[in-house]
Amino acid sequence: MEEVCRNMLVQQRFEAHVEREPDHAFLVFEGRRLTYRQFDALANQLAHALLSGGVARGDRVVIYAENGVETAVAIFAALKASAVFVVVNPTTKVDKLAFLLGNCRPSAIVTQRARAAEAQPAIAEGGATLRLAIWTDLAQDTPVPGVAAPNGREIPSLRWEDALEGQPATRPQTRCIDIDLATIIYTSGSTGNPKGVVSTHANVCAAAESIMTYLENRPDDIVLSVLPLSFDYGLYQLLMVSMFGGTLVLERGFVYPAKVLKLLRDEHATGFPVVPTIASILLQNEHLRGEDFPDLRYMTNTAAALPVSHIQRLRAKFPRVRLFSMYGLTECKRVSYLPPEELERRPGSVGIAIPNTEVYVVDDDGNRVSPGTIGELVVRGAHVMRGYWEAPEETTKRYRPGPLPGETVLYTGDLFRMDEDGFLYFIGRKDDIIKSRGEKVAPKEIEAVLYQLEGVVEAAAIGVPDEVLGEAIKVYVYLGPHATLTDRQIRAHCARRMEDFMQPKYIEIVREPLPKGNTGKIDKKVLAATQSVRMGSVCAE
């Protein structure tokens, strides 16, 4: 891997393997297999199409689509065009998509016909800077959707195949250096508006290199991922495989567990990243046996901590598989990992700092505290991202001066304690951000949707412990005296206006005002302390 490491741009790490092993399988999706050479050619063609459509160095390219070959190709095409890719969750609704378009001001969007009902009105509201729209799932006889900017200007709109037709398969000239941006990953902000975490090529390569080091990845690794490419955990499966020269077996999701397990066996997968939801489903399968997957070498978990009981049961089912429990944030990708040999001794720990990273715990004044003392976790390393896109105040809160002149370290906003051996133990979050299904959810964003309902006087969203989701979302809704809203009506309203991971699992309708603090604000600590899940409030699966 030494030769590859000299290339610091993300796509160059991939291209080194194209030169070395062009016919090695890179991507497998729904039976379609692409070698490194084939994938490189497609990405080069799309990169030229983007450049021909007006995308310039540093421009943003939004990718609003489900997992698939085209989504993966678009990520690398944007990089090859010296642009910045922005993968947006395909369940994002119109209002948020319009905000993201207006915020990152992309020159191009790659999307699907299946997303047109959201994409077209969002572009009409926030797509003033767009010069090109490319649609990935249009049949040859299907009309290309018309796309208009806010001022009514028609945006050139192409079918995927037409965009690639006639474009050279040679690589465009590289115009970036490693401190240029590679991607913007949006995460919910404490104000309710998403924040874009900006990552340079150097940031991405440093994060990936560190993770690949402790996972001991090698070119014969085959990783099966059911995680969305819009989720940084899923995105990095693609990026890391491209850097260590392995194969990625990509799935749309984990809707059909039996199909995924068959792929895990038939494709001889050696790596399988999961989240607690997936682990819980696996453990419900009484017939699941580790010996059915003789090639599986490791499993990883992040997004939310695996319950200790899940860890123990997974180890019992997969005794030969190394299980890595990890902790991270989008703001630096990964913070820590628990070495598999420490699972028995420290099952409640999220581990030690990843390679080439320093972590420490500080008090409210920024002073380092002694082992065992609870404080805020600080992360120092080359993988600490550059900040938030055009949000200097939010950036200043999280990214602060470090030990060296000009250095920036990340204040995570999470409370931890560290033992004398450097192992970390998560205590809680300093703010009220809810982390459910691996996604950060701003309560204010949920509450804003609830307040749109006539009859809602007060609304509050909190996170409650959940073995599968990490945290489940519970909302309290105080209705006016004449309101007749039902649980079902509230759920339907939320389903129309919020992504899946933001929708409440529990709804409690109350007829009394919610508790307040001295400032008159709803006291969520009281709600969290007294919350109880009532019969009949569980969301139907």
Protein backbone atom coordinates (compact mmCIF):
# COMPACT_ATOMS: atom_id res chain seq x y z
CA MET A 1 0.00 0.00 0.00
CA GLU A 2 3.06 2.27 0.33
CA GLU A 3 3.05 3.24 -3.36
CA VAL A 4 -0.64 4.13 -3.26
CA CYS A 5 -0.28 6.29 -0.15
CA ARG A 6 1.82 8.86 -2.04
CA ASN A 7 -1.30 9.87 -3.98
CA MET A 8 -3.23 12.20 -1.70
CA LEU A 9 -6.35 12.86 -3.76
CA VAL A 10 -9.22 10.46 -3.12
CA GLN A 11 -9.70 9.48 -6.76
CA GLN A 12 -5.96 9.03 -7.27
CA ARG A 13 -5.93 6.38 -4.57
CA PHE A 14 -8.53 4.52 -6.63
CA GLU A 15 -6.75 5.16 -9.94
CA ALA A 16 -3.54 3.59 -8.63
CA HIS A 17 -5.41 0.29 -8.33
CA VAL A 18 -6.85 0.73 -11.83
CA GLU A 19 -3.27 0.74 -13.08
CA ARG A 20 -2.19 -2.12 -10.84
CA GLU A 21 -5.15 -4.54 -11.08
CA PRO A 22 -7.49 -3.22 -13.81
CA ASP A 23 -9.51 -6.45 -14.07
CA HIS A 24 -10.02 -6.92 -10.33
CA ALA A 25 -13.70 -6.64 -9.32
CA PHE A 26 -14.44 -3.26 -7.76
CA LEU A 27 -18.23 -2.97 -7.47
CA VAL A 28 -21.01 -5.56 -7.40
CA PHE A 29 -24.62 -4.36 -7.42
CA GLU A 30 -27.70 -6.47 -8.10
CA GLY A 31 -25.76 -8.93 -10.22
CA ARG A 32 -23.85 -6.29 -12.18
CA ARG A 33 -20.08 -6.55 -11.79
CA LEU A 34 -17.68 -3.77 -12.67
CA THR A 35 -13.91 -4.09 -12.68
CA TYR A 36 -11.64 -1.24 -11.66
CA ARG A 37 -11.06 -0.49 -15.36
CA GLN A 38 -14.78 -0.46 -16.22
CA PHE A 39 -15.77 1.69 -13.27
CA ASP A 40 -12.93 4.12 -13.99
CA ALA A 41 -14.08 4.51 -17.60
CA LEU A 42 -17.68 5.28 -16.55
CA ALA A 43 -16.53 7.81 -13.96
CA ASN A 44 -14.25 9.47 -16.51
CA GLN A 45 -17.09 9.75 -19.03
CA LEU A 46 -19.43 11.30 -16.48
CA ALA A 47 -16.68 13.65 -15.32
CA HIS A 48 -16.30 14.93 -18.87
CA ALA A 49 -20.08 15.33 -19.10
CA LEU A 50 -20.05 17.42 -15.93
CA LEU A 51 -17.21 19.57 -17.24
CA SER A 52 -19.01 20.03 -20.56
CA GLY A 53 -22.12 21.06 -18.63
CA GLY A 54 -20.28 23.90 -16.91
CA VAL A 55 -18.99 22.31 -13.69
CA ALA A 56 -15.75 24.01 -12.67
CA ARG A 57 -13.05 23.33 -10.07
CA GLY A 58 -14.52 23.51 -6.56
CA ASP A 59 -18.15 23.49 -7.75
CA ARG A 60 -20.58 21.26 -5.89
CA VAL A 61 -22.34 18.29 -7.47
CA VAL A 62 -25.42 17.08 -5.59
CA ILE A 63 -26.22 13.37 -5.81
CA TYR A 64 -29.81 12.72 -4.77
CA ALA A 65 -30.33 9.02 -5.39
CA GLU A 66 -30.52 5.58 -3.82
CA ASN A 67 -27.57 3.20 -3.60
CA GLY A 68 -26.60 1.99 -7.04
CA VAL A 69 -23.87 1.89 -9.66
CA GLU A 70 -24.78 5.37 -10.92
CA THR A 71 -24.59 6.89 -7.43
CA ALA A 72 -21.13 5.42 -6.85
CA VAL A 73 -19.95 6.51 -10.32
CA ALA A 74 -21.26 10.04 -9.74
CA ILE A 75 -19.22 10.36 -6.54
CA PHE A 76 -15.97 9.61 -8.36
CA ALA A 77 -16.97 11.59 -11.44
CA ALA A 78 -17.39 14.71 -9.34
CA LEU A 79 -13.92 14.19 -7.85
CA LYS A 80 -12.39 13.57 -11.27
CA ALA A 81 -13.97 16.83 -12.46
CA SER A 82 -12.15 18.58 -9.57
CA ALA A 83 -15.54 19.25 -8.00
CA VAL A 84 -17.05 18.54 -4.57
CA PHE A 85 -19.64 15.79 -4.19
CA VAL A 86 -22.67 16.13 -1.92
CA VAL A 87 -24.65 12.91 -1.42
CA VAL A 88 -28.16 13.65 -0.13
CA ASN A 89 -30.36 11.11 1.64
CA PRO A 90 -32.89 9.94 -0.99
CA THR A 91 -35.75 10.23 1.54
CA THR A 92 -35.11 13.97 1.98
CA LYS A 93 -38.28 15.99 1.49
CA VAL A 94 -38.80 19.06 -0.68
CA ASP A 95 -38.24 21.79 1.90
CA LYS A 96 -34.94 20.40 3.18
CA LEU A 97 -33.70 19.57 -0.31
CA ALA A 98 -34.44 23.14 -1.40
CA PHE A 99 -32.50 24.41 1.62
CA LEU A 100 -29.51 22.19 0.79
CA LEU A 101 -29.50 23.33 -2.84
CA GLY A 102 -29.66 26.95 -1.81
CA ASN A 103 -26.98 26.44 0.82
CA CYS A 104 -24.29 24.58 -1.14
CA ARG A 105 -25.22 26.19 -4.50
CA PRO A 106 -24.38 23.26 -6.79
CA SER A 107 -23.65 23.48 -10.49
CA ALA A 108 -25.08 20.03 -11.21
CA ILE A 109 -27.44 17.46 -9.75
CA VAL A 110 -27.53 13.72 -10.44
CA THR A 111 -30.87 12.22 -9.46
CA GLN A 112 -33.52 9.64 -10.32
CA ARG A 113 -36.89 9.77 -12.03
CA ALA A 114 -38.25 8.21 -8.84
CA ARG A 115 -37.13 11.38 -6.98
CA ALA A 116 -38.69 13.83 -9.45
CA ALA A 117 -41.67 14.68 -7.22
CA GLU A 118 -39.23 16.09 -4.67
CA ALA A 119 -36.39 17.20 -6.94
CA GLN A 120 -38.38 19.38 -9.35
CA PRO A 121 -40.08 21.66 -6.77
CA ALA A 122 -36.90 21.78 -4.66
CA ILE A 123 -34.87 22.91 -7.68
CA ALA A 124 -37.55 25.47 -8.55
CA GLU A 125 -37.11 26.92 -5.06
CA GLY A 126 -33.39 26.52 -4.31
CA GLY A 127 -31.61 25.54 -7.53
CA ALA A 128 -30.66 28.96 -8.85
CA THR A 129 -27.04 27.95 -9.50
CA LEU A 130 -27.73 24.68 -11.34
CA ARG A 131 -26.46 24.35 -14.88
CA LEU A 132 -27.13 20.65 -15.42
CA ALA A 133 -29.46 17.87 -14.25
CA ILE A 134 -28.77 14.20 -15.03
CA TRP A 135 -31.40 11.47 -14.52
CA THR A 136 -30.17 7.94 -13.86
CA ASP A 137 -33.25 5.73 -14.25
CA LEU A 138 -35.01 6.87 -17.41
CA ALA A 139 -35.99 4.34 -20.03
CA GLN A 140 -35.10 5.32 -23.59
CA ASP A 141 -38.73 6.08 -24.47
CA THR A 142 -39.43 8.03 -21.25
CA PRO A 143 -39.45 11.83 -21.57
CA VAL A 144 -36.70 13.63 -19.67
CA PRO A 145 -38.27 15.62 -16.79
CA GLY A 146 -38.20 19.35 -17.27
CA VAL A 147 -36.31 21.29 -14.63
CA ALA A 148 -36.61 25.03 -14.00
CA ALA A 149 -34.58 27.33 -11.76
CA PRO A 150 -36.28 29.80 -9.36
CA ASN A 151 -36.35 32.49 -12.04
CA GLY A 152 -38.01 30.12 -14.52
CA ARG A 153 -34.80 29.47 -16.46
CA GLU A 154 -34.82 26.01 -18.02
CA ILE A 155 -31.93 23.89 -16.77
CA PRO A 156 -30.41 21.46 -19.29
CA SER A 157 -31.68 18.01 -18.34
CA LEU A 158 -30.13 14.79 -19.66
CA ARG A 159 -30.76 11.06 -19.51
CA TRP A 160 -27.76 9.25 -17.91
CA GLU A 161 -26.95 7.34 -21.11
CA ASP A 162 -27.14 10.50 -23.21
CA ALA A 163 -24.84 12.34 -20.82
CA LEU A 164 -22.18 9.64 -21.20
CA GLU A 165 -22.57 9.14 -24.95
CA GLY A 166 -19.63 10.42 -26.94
CA GLN A 167 -17.62 11.37 -23.84
CA PRO A 168 -14.02 10.10 -23.69
CA ALA A 169 -13.11 7.38 -21.19
CA THR A 170 -9.78 9.07 -20.49
CA ARG A 171 -9.18 10.88 -17.21
CA PRO A 172 -9.72 14.63 -17.12
CA GLN A 173 -6.83 16.80 -16.04
CA THR A 174 -6.54 16.98 -12.25
CA ARG A 175 -6.80 20.54 -10.99
CA CYS A 176 -7.12 19.98 -7.24
CA ILE A 177 -4.57 19.60 -4.47
CA ASP A 178 -5.08 17.70 -1.24
CA ILE A 179 -6.27 20.70 0.79
CA ASP A 180 -9.14 21.31 -1.64
CA LEU A 181 -12.59 20.09 -0.67
CA ALA A 182 -13.65 16.57 -1.64
CA THR A 183 -17.12 16.41 -0.09
CA ILE A 184 -19.74 18.15 2.00
CA ILE A 185 -21.74 15.85 4.28
CA TYR A 186 -24.86 17.40 5.76
CA THR A 187 -25.89 16.65 9.32
CA SER A 188 -28.68 18.12 11.43
CA GLY A 189 -27.78 21.29 13.28
CA SER A 190 -28.75 22.39 16.76
CA THR A 191 -30.82 25.18 15.20
CA GLY A 192 -32.79 22.70 13.09
CA ASN A 193 -31.13 23.62 9.78
CA PRO A 194 -28.71 21.02 8.40
CA LYS A 195 -25.00 21.82 8.64
CA GLY A 196 -22.56 20.82 5.95
CA VAL A 197 -19.36 19.26 7.26
CA VAL A 198 -16.62 20.13 4.78
CA SER A 199 -13.88 17.57 4.19
CA THR A 200 -10.73 17.98 2.15
CA HIS A 201 -9.09 15.21 0.17
CA ALA A 202 -6.43 15.05 2.90
CA ASN A 203 -9.10 14.73 5.61
CA VAL A 204 -10.86 11.87 3.81
CA CYS A 205 -7.63 10.02 3.05
CA ALA A 206 -6.37 10.40 6.63
CA ALA A 207 -9.64 9.09 8.09
CA ALA A 208 -9.82 6.17 5.68
CA GLU A 209 -6.16 5.26 6.15
CA SER A 210 -6.56 5.15 9.93
CA ILE A 211 -9.63 2.90 9.79
CA MET A 212 -8.06 0.62 7.18
CA THR A 213 -5.03 0.24 9.45
CA TYR A 214 -6.85 -1.23 12.45
CA LEU A 215 -9.21 -3.29 10.27
CA GLU A 216 -6.11 -4.61 8.47
CA ASN A 217 -7.78 -4.26 5.09
CA ARG A 218 -6.12 -5.80 2.05
CA PRO A 219 -6.89 -6.13 -1.68
CA ASP A 220 -8.55 -9.52 -1.29
CA ASP A 221 -11.15 -8.11 1.13
CA ILE A 222 -14.76 -8.17 -0.08
CA VAL A 223 -17.02 -5.81 1.86
CA LEU A 224 -20.79 -6.20 1.81
CA SER A 225 -22.55 -2.91 2.59
CA VAL A 226 -26.28 -2.33 2.97
CA LEU A 227 -25.70 1.18 4.36
CA PRO A 228 -26.79 4.27 2.38
CA LEU A 229 -24.04 6.11 0.54
CA SER A 230 -25.62 9.29 1.92
CA PHE A 231 -24.60 8.10 5.41
CA ASP A 232 -20.89 8.67 6.05
CA TYR A 233 -20.51 5.13 7.44
CA GLY A 234 -21.84 3.76 4.15
CA LEU A 235 -19.94 6.29 2.04
CA TYR A 236 -16.61 5.34 3.58
CA GLN A 237 -17.15 1.67 2.72
CA LEU A 238 -16.99 2.72 -0.94
CA LEU A 239 -14.09 5.10 -0.42
CA MET A 240 -12.00 2.71 1.68
CA VAL A 241 -12.49 -0.21 -0.72
CA SER A 242 -11.32 2.03 -3.54
CA MET A 243 -8.19 2.88 -1.55
CA PHE A 244 -7.12 -0.59 -0.43
CA GLY A 245 -7.99 -2.19 -3.77
CA GLY A 246 -10.78 -4.52 -2.63
CA THR A 247 -14.32 -5.30 -3.78
CA LEU A 248 -17.55 -3.68 -2.60
CA VAL A 249 -20.81 -5.61 -2.78
CA LEU A 250 -23.42 -2.87 -2.52
CA GLU A 251 -27.07 -3.36 -1.62
CA ARG A 252 -29.98 -0.92 -1.58
CA GLY A 253 -30.64 -1.68 2.07
CA PHE A 254 -31.44 -4.36 4.61
CA VAL A 255 -35.10 -4.77 3.68
CA TYR A 256 -34.67 -8.45 2.84
CA PRO A 257 -32.28 -9.96 5.41
CA ALA A 258 -32.39 -13.44 3.83
CA LYS A 259 -31.17 -12.00 0.52
CA VAL A 260 -28.34 -10.12 2.24
CA LEU A 261 -27.22 -13.19 4.16
CA LYS A 262 -27.21 -15.20 0.94
CA LEU A 263 -25.03 -12.53 -0.67
CA LEU A 264 -22.76 -12.54 2.36
CA ARG A 265 -22.16 -16.24 1.80
CA ASP A 266 -22.23 -16.43 -2.01
CA GLU A 267 -19.95 -13.42 -2.55
CA HIS A 268 -17.48 -14.73 0.08
CA ALA A 269 -17.62 -11.42 1.93
CA THR A 270 -14.82 -10.81 4.42
CA GLY A 271 -16.18 -7.57 5.94
CA PHE A 272 -19.69 -6.65 7.03
CA PRO A 273 -20.45 -3.18 8.51
CA VAL A 274 -23.62 -3.07 10.62
CA VAL A 275 -25.59 -0.73 12.86
CA PRO A 276 -27.58 -1.82 15.95
CA THR A 277 -30.79 -2.19 13.92
CA ILE A 278 -29.12 -4.71 11.60
CA ALA A 279 -27.48 -6.52 14.50
CA SER A 280 -30.83 -6.85 16.26
CA ILE A 281 -32.45 -8.35 13.15
CA LEU A 282 -29.57 -10.79 12.71
CA LEU A 283 -29.88 -11.95 16.30
CA GLN A 284 -33.58 -12.66 15.82
CA ASN A 285 -32.64 -15.30 13.26
CA GLU A 286 -32.41 -18.47 15.33
CA HIS A 287 -31.00 -20.44 12.40
CA LEU A 288 -28.10 -18.04 11.78
CA ARG A 289 -24.76 -19.79 12.21
CA GLY A 290 -21.32 -18.28 11.88
CA GLU A 291 -19.96 -21.40 10.20
CA ASP A 292 -22.24 -20.65 7.23
CA PHE A 293 -19.96 -17.69 6.46
CA PRO A 294 -16.44 -19.13 6.52
CA ASP A 295 -14.90 -16.18 4.67
CA LEU A 296 -16.23 -13.48 7.02
CA ARG A 297 -13.24 -11.98 8.83
CA TYR A 298 -14.65 -8.90 10.57
CA MET A 299 -17.82 -7.00 11.44
CA THR A 300 -17.94 -3.35 12.44
CA ASN A 301 -20.52 -1.29 14.29
CA THR A 302 -20.90 2.43 14.72
CA ALA A 303 -23.67 5.09 14.56
CA ALA A 304 -24.93 4.01 17.99
CA ALA A 305 -23.37 1.77 20.59
CA LEU A 306 -24.23 -1.91 20.47
CA PRO A 307 -25.86 -3.08 23.70
CA VAL A 308 -23.53 -5.36 25.64
CA SER A 309 -26.03 -8.20 25.25
CA HIS A 310 -25.88 -7.82 21.46
CA ILE A 311 -22.08 -7.95 21.53
CA GLN A 312 -22.12 -11.13 23.56
CA ARG A 313 -24.69 -12.83 21.34
CA LEU A 314 -22.96 -11.79 18.11
CA ARG A 315 -19.70 -13.20 19.39
CA ALA A 316 -21.46 -16.44 20.26
CA LYS A 317 -22.95 -16.70 16.75
CA PHE A 318 -19.75 -15.62 14.97
CA PRO A 319 -16.92 -16.93 17.17
CA ARG A 320 -14.26 -16.64 14.46
CA VAL A 321 -15.25 -13.14 13.34
CA ARG A 322 -13.50 -10.08 14.77
CA LEU A 323 -16.13 -7.61 16.02
CA PHE A 324 -15.13 -3.93 16.09
CA SER A 325 -17.26 -1.58 18.17
CA MET A 326 -16.55 2.03 17.16
CA TYR A 327 -17.49 5.63 17.92
CA GLY A 328 -17.33 8.60 15.60
CA LEU A 329 -18.83 11.86 14.38
CA THR A 330 -19.27 13.22 10.88
CA GLU A 331 -17.08 16.15 11.98
CA CYS A 332 -14.03 13.86 12.05
CA LYS A 333 -15.41 10.59 10.66
CA ARG A 334 -14.03 8.24 13.36
CA VAL A 335 -12.76 8.78 16.89
CA SER A 336 -12.20 5.42 18.53
CA TYR A 337 -12.46 1.65 18.21
CA LEU A 338 -12.53 -1.16 20.75
CA PRO A 339 -10.00 -3.86 19.84
CA PRO A 340 -11.88 -7.17 19.62
CA GLU A 341 -9.67 -8.75 22.25
CA GLU A 342 -10.90 -6.14 24.75
CA LEU A 343 -14.62 -6.91 24.30
CA GLU A 344 -14.72 -9.27 27.28
CA ARG A 345 -12.83 -6.99 29.64
CA ARG A 346 -14.36 -3.64 28.61
CA PRO A 347 -17.76 -4.32 27.01
CA GLY A 348 -19.06 -0.86 27.95
CA SER A 349 -16.17 1.03 26.34
CA VAL A 350 -16.09 2.60 22.88
CA GLY A 351 -12.38 1.93 22.79
CA ILE A 352 -9.15 3.78 22.24
CA ALA A 353 -8.21 6.51 19.77
CA ILE A 354 -7.89 5.34 16.17
CA PRO A 355 -4.33 5.30 14.73
CA ASN A 356 -2.65 8.69 14.28
CA THR A 357 -5.22 10.38 16.53
CA GLU A 358 -5.09 11.96 19.97
CA VAL A 359 -8.16 12.23 22.19
CA TYR A 360 -8.50 13.84 25.59
CA VAL A 361 -11.21 14.95 28.01
CA VAL A 362 -11.54 18.56 29.20
CA ASP A 363 -13.57 20.49 31.74
CA ASP A 364 -15.76 23.52 30.99
CA ASP A 365 -12.67 25.75 30.90
CA GLY A 366 -10.87 23.57 28.37
CA ASN A 367 -8.41 22.07 30.85
CA ARG A 368 -7.53 18.39 30.58
CA VAL A 369 -8.98 16.31 33.40
CA SER A 370 -7.61 13.28 35.22
CA PRO A 371 -8.62 9.68 34.37
CA GLY A 372 -12.12 8.81 35.50
CA THR A 373 -13.33 12.42 35.46
CA ILE A 374 -16.28 13.25 33.21
CA GLY A 375 -15.80 16.03 30.67
CA GLU A 376 -16.09 16.92 27.00
CA LEU A 377 -14.17 14.81 24.51
CA VAL A 378 -11.69 16.60 22.23
CA VAL A 379 -10.25 15.03 19.06
CA ARG A 380 -6.95 15.95 17.44
CA GLY A 381 -5.68 14.61 14.11
CA ALA A 382 -5.39 15.00 10.35
CA HIS A 383 -8.91 13.60 9.91
CA VAL A 384 -10.55 16.48 11.82
CA MET A 385 -12.61 18.15 9.11
CA ARG A 386 -12.34 21.82 8.17
CA GLY A 387 -15.60 22.98 9.72
CA TYR A 388 -19.14 23.69 8.56
CA TRP A 389 -19.98 25.04 5.13
CA GLU A 390 -20.50 28.81 5.36
CA ALA A 391 -21.41 28.63 9.06
CA PRO A 392 -18.56 30.45 10.86
CA GLU A 393 -20.35 30.72 14.21
CA GLU A 394 -21.17 27.00 14.32
CA THR A 395 -17.63 26.20 13.18
CA THR A 396 -16.12 28.31 15.96
CA LYS A 397 -18.14 26.45 18.60
CA ARG A 398 -16.87 23.02 17.57
CA TYR A 399 -13.52 23.67 15.89
CA ARG A 400 -11.21 25.51 18.26
CA PRO A 401 -7.49 26.33 18.50
CA GLY A 402 -5.30 23.34 19.35
CA PRO A 403 -1.89 22.95 21.02
CA LEU A 404 0.10 24.13 17.98
CA PRO A 405 -0.12 27.55 16.26
CA GLY A 406 -2.77 27.47 13.55
CA GLU A 407 -3.98 24.01 14.54
CA THR A 408 -7.67 23.19 14.95
CA VAL A 409 -9.11 20.48 17.18
CA LEU A 410 -12.67 19.19 17.44
CA TYR A 411 -14.75 19.71 20.58
CA THR A 412 -17.27 16.90 20.15
CA GLY A 413 -20.03 18.16 22.44
CA ASP A 414 -20.14 14.64 23.94
CA LEU A 415 -19.41 13.80 27.57
CA PHE A 416 -16.91 11.03 28.25
CA ARG A 417 -14.63 9.63 30.87
CA MET A 418 -11.29 8.00 30.09
CA ASP A 419 -9.67 5.31 32.20
CA GLU A 420 -5.97 5.13 33.01
CA ASP A 421 -5.33 2.91 29.96
CA GLY A 422 -6.85 5.42 27.55
CA PHE A 423 -10.15 3.59 27.00
CA LEU A 424 -13.16 5.84 26.50
CA TYR A 425 -16.63 5.53 28.01
CA PHE A 426 -19.52 7.52 26.54
CA ILE A 427 -21.67 9.33 29.13
CA GLY A 428 -24.06 11.49 27.12
CA ARG A 429 -24.45 14.53 24.88
CA LYS A 430 -24.10 18.12 26.00
CA ASP A 431 -26.88 19.27 23.70
CA ASP A 432 -30.24 17.68 22.99
CA ILE A 433 -29.42 16.30 19.54
CA ILE A 434 -30.99 12.86 19.12
CA LYS A 435 -28.93 10.14 17.43
CA SER A 436 -31.36 7.61 15.97
CA ARG A 437 -30.54 4.96 13.35
CA GLY A 438 -27.08 6.47 13.15
CA GLU A 439 -28.43 9.87 12.06
CA LYS A 440 -28.30 13.08 14.05
CA VAL A 441 -31.75 14.56 14.46
CA ALA A 442 -32.46 18.09 15.68
CA PRO A 443 -35.54 18.12 17.96
CA LYS A 444 -36.39 21.62 16.75
CA GLU A 445 -36.75 20.29 13.22
CA ILE A 446 -39.29 17.68 14.35
CA GLU A 447 -41.10 20.20 16.53
CA ALA A 448 -41.38 22.63 13.62
CA VAL A 449 -43.20 19.96 11.62
CA LEU A 450 -45.55 19.20 14.53
CA TYR A 451 -46.39 22.86 14.96
CA GLN A 452 -47.71 22.90 11.40
CA LEU A 453 -50.69 20.86 12.61
CA GLU A 454 -53.74 22.87 13.58
CA GLY A 455 -54.53 22.30 17.23
CA VAL A 456 -50.95 21.74 18.43
CA VAL A 457 -50.19 24.23 21.18
CA GLU A 458 -46.87 22.85 22.40
CA ALA A 459 -44.55 20.14 21.09
CA ALA A 460 -41.34 18.63 22.35
CA ALA A 461 -39.14 15.87 20.95
CA ILE A 462 -36.65 13.88 23.02
CA GLY A 463 -34.55 10.76 22.59
CA VAL A 464 -35.27 7.70 24.69
CA PRO A 465 -32.97 4.66 25.00
CA ASP A 466 -33.63 1.95 22.44
CA GLU A 467 -31.60 -1.23 21.98
CA VAL A 468 -32.18 -1.31 18.24
CA LEU A 469 -32.13 2.37 17.24
CA GLY A 470 -29.66 3.66 19.83
CA GLU A 471 -32.17 6.35 20.65
CA ALA A 472 -35.81 6.31 19.63
CA ILE A 473 -37.66 9.57 19.03
CA LYS A 474 -40.50 10.36 21.38
CA VAL A 475 -42.69 13.43 20.99
CA TYR A 476 -44.99 15.10 23.46
CA VAL A 477 -47.88 17.02 21.92
CA TYR A 478 -50.05 19.38 23.97
CA LEU A 479 -53.34 19.99 22.17
CA GLY A 480 -55.74 22.90 22.53
CA PRO A 481 -59.09 22.29 24.27
CA HIS A 482 -61.03 21.73 21.05
CA ALA A 483 -58.39 19.84 19.05
CA THR A 484 -59.28 16.35 17.88
CA LEU A 485 -55.95 15.20 16.46
CA THR A 486 -55.21 11.50 16.81
CA ASP A 487 -51.98 9.54 17.02
CA ARG A 488 -52.60 8.22 13.50
CA GLN A 489 -53.11 11.71 12.05
CA ILE A 490 -49.91 12.98 13.63
CA ARG A 491 -47.94 10.03 12.26
CA ALA A 492 -49.33 10.53 8.77
CA HIS A 493 -48.40 14.23 8.90
CA CYS A 494 -44.84 13.38 10.01
CA ALA A 495 -44.47 10.69 7.32
CA ARG A 496 -45.34 13.24 4.61
CA ARG A 497 -42.88 15.86 5.80
CA MET A 498 -39.89 14.11 7.37
CA GLU A 499 -37.29 11.51 6.45
CA ASP A 500 -37.79 8.03 7.84
CA PHE A 501 -35.11 8.35 10.53
CA MET A 502 -36.73 11.55 11.89
CA GLN A 503 -40.20 10.14 12.41
CA PRO A 504 -41.25 9.51 16.03
CA LYS A 505 -41.51 5.99 17.34
CA TYR A 506 -43.56 7.16 20.33
CA ILE A 507 -46.22 9.87 20.51
CA GLU A 508 -47.75 11.03 23.76
CA ILE A 509 -50.73 13.38 23.46
CA VAL A 510 -51.27 15.41 26.63
CA ARG A 511 -54.01 17.77 27.75
CA GLU A 512 -51.88 19.81 30.12
CA PRO A 513 -49.13 22.31 29.26
CA LEU A 514 -45.65 20.83 29.12
CA PRO A 515 -43.28 21.55 32.05
CA LYS A 516 -41.32 24.80 31.82
CA GLY A 517 -38.08 26.08 33.29
CA ASN A 518 -37.43 29.51 34.77
CA THR A 519 -37.00 31.05 31.34
CA GLY A 520 -40.37 29.75 30.16
CA LYS A 521 -38.84 27.17 27.83
CA ILE A 522 -40.10 23.61 27.83
CA ASP A 523 -37.97 21.63 30.28
CA LYS A 524 -36.96 18.51 28.40
CA LYS A 525 -34.94 17.21 31.32
CA VAL A 526 -38.18 16.87 33.27
CA LEU A 527 -39.78 15.10 30.32
CA ALA A 528 -36.83 12.74 30.01
CA ALA A 529 -36.86 12.00 33.74
CA THR A 530 -40.57 11.28 33.88
CA GLN A 531 -41.18 9.82 30.43
CA SER A 532 -42.98 6.52 30.21
CA VAL A 533 -43.99 4.67 27.08
CA ARG A 534 -47.74 4.14 27.10
CA MET A 535 -49.47 1.16 25.60
CA GLY A 536 -50.57 1.80 22.06
CA SER A 537 -48.03 4.56 21.38
CA VAL A 538 -45.54 2.36 19.56
CA CYS A 539 -45.28 3.11 15.88
CA ALA A 540 -46.62 0.34 13.67
CA GLU A 541 -43.86 -1.41 11.75
